[in-house]
């Protein structure tokens, strides 16, 4: 199961996060999945929010 930000509404240009928080994918190209450790995902989201 994948989820995307509630702020993205119906936009198709989103990054989706897998339910176990161990992978992300581009909603335009869902076949490509990038596996991440939870710590790396936390760092990525902090960077995206501007909280480096």
C-alpha atoms as a PDB file:
ATOM      1  CA  UNK A   1       0.000   0.000   0.000  1.00  0.00           C
ATOM      2  CA  UNK A   2       1.267   3.453  -0.937  1.00  0.00           C
ATOM      3  CA  UNK A   3       0.291   6.888   0.325  1.00  0.00           C
ATOM      4  CA  UNK A   4       0.924  10.430  -0.772  1.00  0.00           C
ATOM      5  CA  UNK A   5       0.666  13.746   0.974  1.00  0.00           C
ATOM      6  CA  UNK A   6      -2.828  14.977   1.703  1.00  0.00           C
ATOM      7  CA  UNK A   7      -1.610  18.357   0.427  1.00  0.00           C
ATOM      8  CA  UNK A   8      -1.094  16.923  -3.047  1.00  0.00           C
ATOM      9  CA  UNK A   9      -4.855  16.598  -3.637  1.00  0.00           C
ATOM     10  CA  UNK A  10      -5.385  14.910  -7.007  1.00  0.00           C
ATOM     11  CA  UNK A  11      -2.053  15.955  -8.472  1.00  0.00           C
ATOM     12  CA  UNK A  12      -0.196  13.199 -10.278  1.00  0.00           C
ATOM     13  CA  UNK A  13       3.280  14.650  -9.716  1.00  0.00           C
ATOM     14  CA  UNK A  14       3.871  13.336  -6.241  1.00  0.00           C
ATOM     15  CA  UNK A  15       6.282  11.221  -4.303  1.00  0.00           C
ATOM     16  CA  UNK A  16       4.514   8.324  -2.619  1.00  0.00           C
ATOM     17  CA  UNK A  17       5.672   6.517   0.514  1.00  0.00           C
ATOM     18  CA  UNK A  18       5.148   2.802   1.104  1.00  0.00           C
ATOM     19  CA  UNK A  19       3.117   1.918   4.199  1.00  0.00           C
ATOM     20  CA  UNK A  20       6.133   0.409   5.996  1.00  0.00           C
ATOM     21  CA  UNK A  21       8.161   3.609   5.359  1.00  0.00           C
ATOM     22  CA  UNK A  22      10.903   1.600   3.637  1.00  0.00           C
ATOM     23  CA  UNK A  23      10.455   2.839   0.063  1.00  0.00           C
ATOM     24  CA  UNK A  24       9.361   5.775  -2.075  1.00  0.00           C
ATOM     25  CA  UNK A  25       8.234   6.102  -5.676  1.00  0.00           C
ATOM     26  CA  UNK A  26       7.174   8.732  -8.181  1.00  0.00           C
ATOM     27  CA  UNK A  27       3.431   8.646  -8.823  1.00  0.00           C
ATOM     28  CA  UNK A  28       4.069   9.291 -12.546  1.00  0.00           C
ATOM     29  CA  UNK A  29       6.385   6.271 -12.768  1.00  0.00           C
ATOM     30  CA  UNK A  30       5.243   3.788 -10.091  1.00  0.00           C
ATOM     31  CA  UNK A  31       7.250   0.885 -11.510  1.00  0.00           C
ATOM     32  CA  UNK A  32      10.456   2.444 -10.163  1.00  0.00           C
ATOM     33  CA  UNK A  33      10.719   1.969  -6.402  1.00  0.00           C
ATOM     34  CA  UNK A  34      13.567   3.314  -4.280  1.00  0.00           C
ATOM     35  CA  UNK A  35      14.168   1.368  -1.070  1.00  0.00           C
ATOM     36  CA  UNK A  36      15.273   3.409   1.946  1.00  0.00           C
ATOM     37  CA  UNK A  37      16.066   2.882   5.577  1.00  0.00           C
ATOM     38  CA  UNK A  38      13.651   4.671   7.903  1.00  0.00           C
ATOM     39  CA  UNK A  39      16.375   7.052   9.046  1.00  0.00           C
ATOM     40  CA  UNK A  40      17.123   8.027   5.446  1.00  0.00           C
ATOM     41  CA  UNK A  41      13.427   8.654   4.815  1.00  0.00           C
ATOM     42  CA  UNK A  42      13.236  10.838   7.929  1.00  0.00           C
ATOM     43  CA  UNK A  43      16.229  12.842   6.683  1.00  0.00           C
ATOM     44  CA  UNK A  44      14.689  13.174   3.227  1.00  0.00           C
ATOM     45  CA  UNK A  45      11.374  14.460   4.573  1.00  0.00           C
ATOM     46  CA  UNK A  46      13.130  16.874   6.956  1.00  0.00           C
ATOM     47  CA  UNK A  47      15.125  18.236   3.999  1.00  0.00           C
ATOM     48  CA  UNK A  48      11.970  18.586   1.895  1.00  0.00           C
ATOM     49  CA  UNK A  49      10.283  20.496   4.710  1.00  0.00           C
ATOM     50  CA  UNK A  50      13.268  22.815   4.990  1.00  0.00           C
ATOM     51  CA  UNK A  51      14.429  21.507   8.371  1.00  0.00           C
ATOM     52  CA  UNK A  52      17.802  20.160   7.256  1.00  0.00           C
END
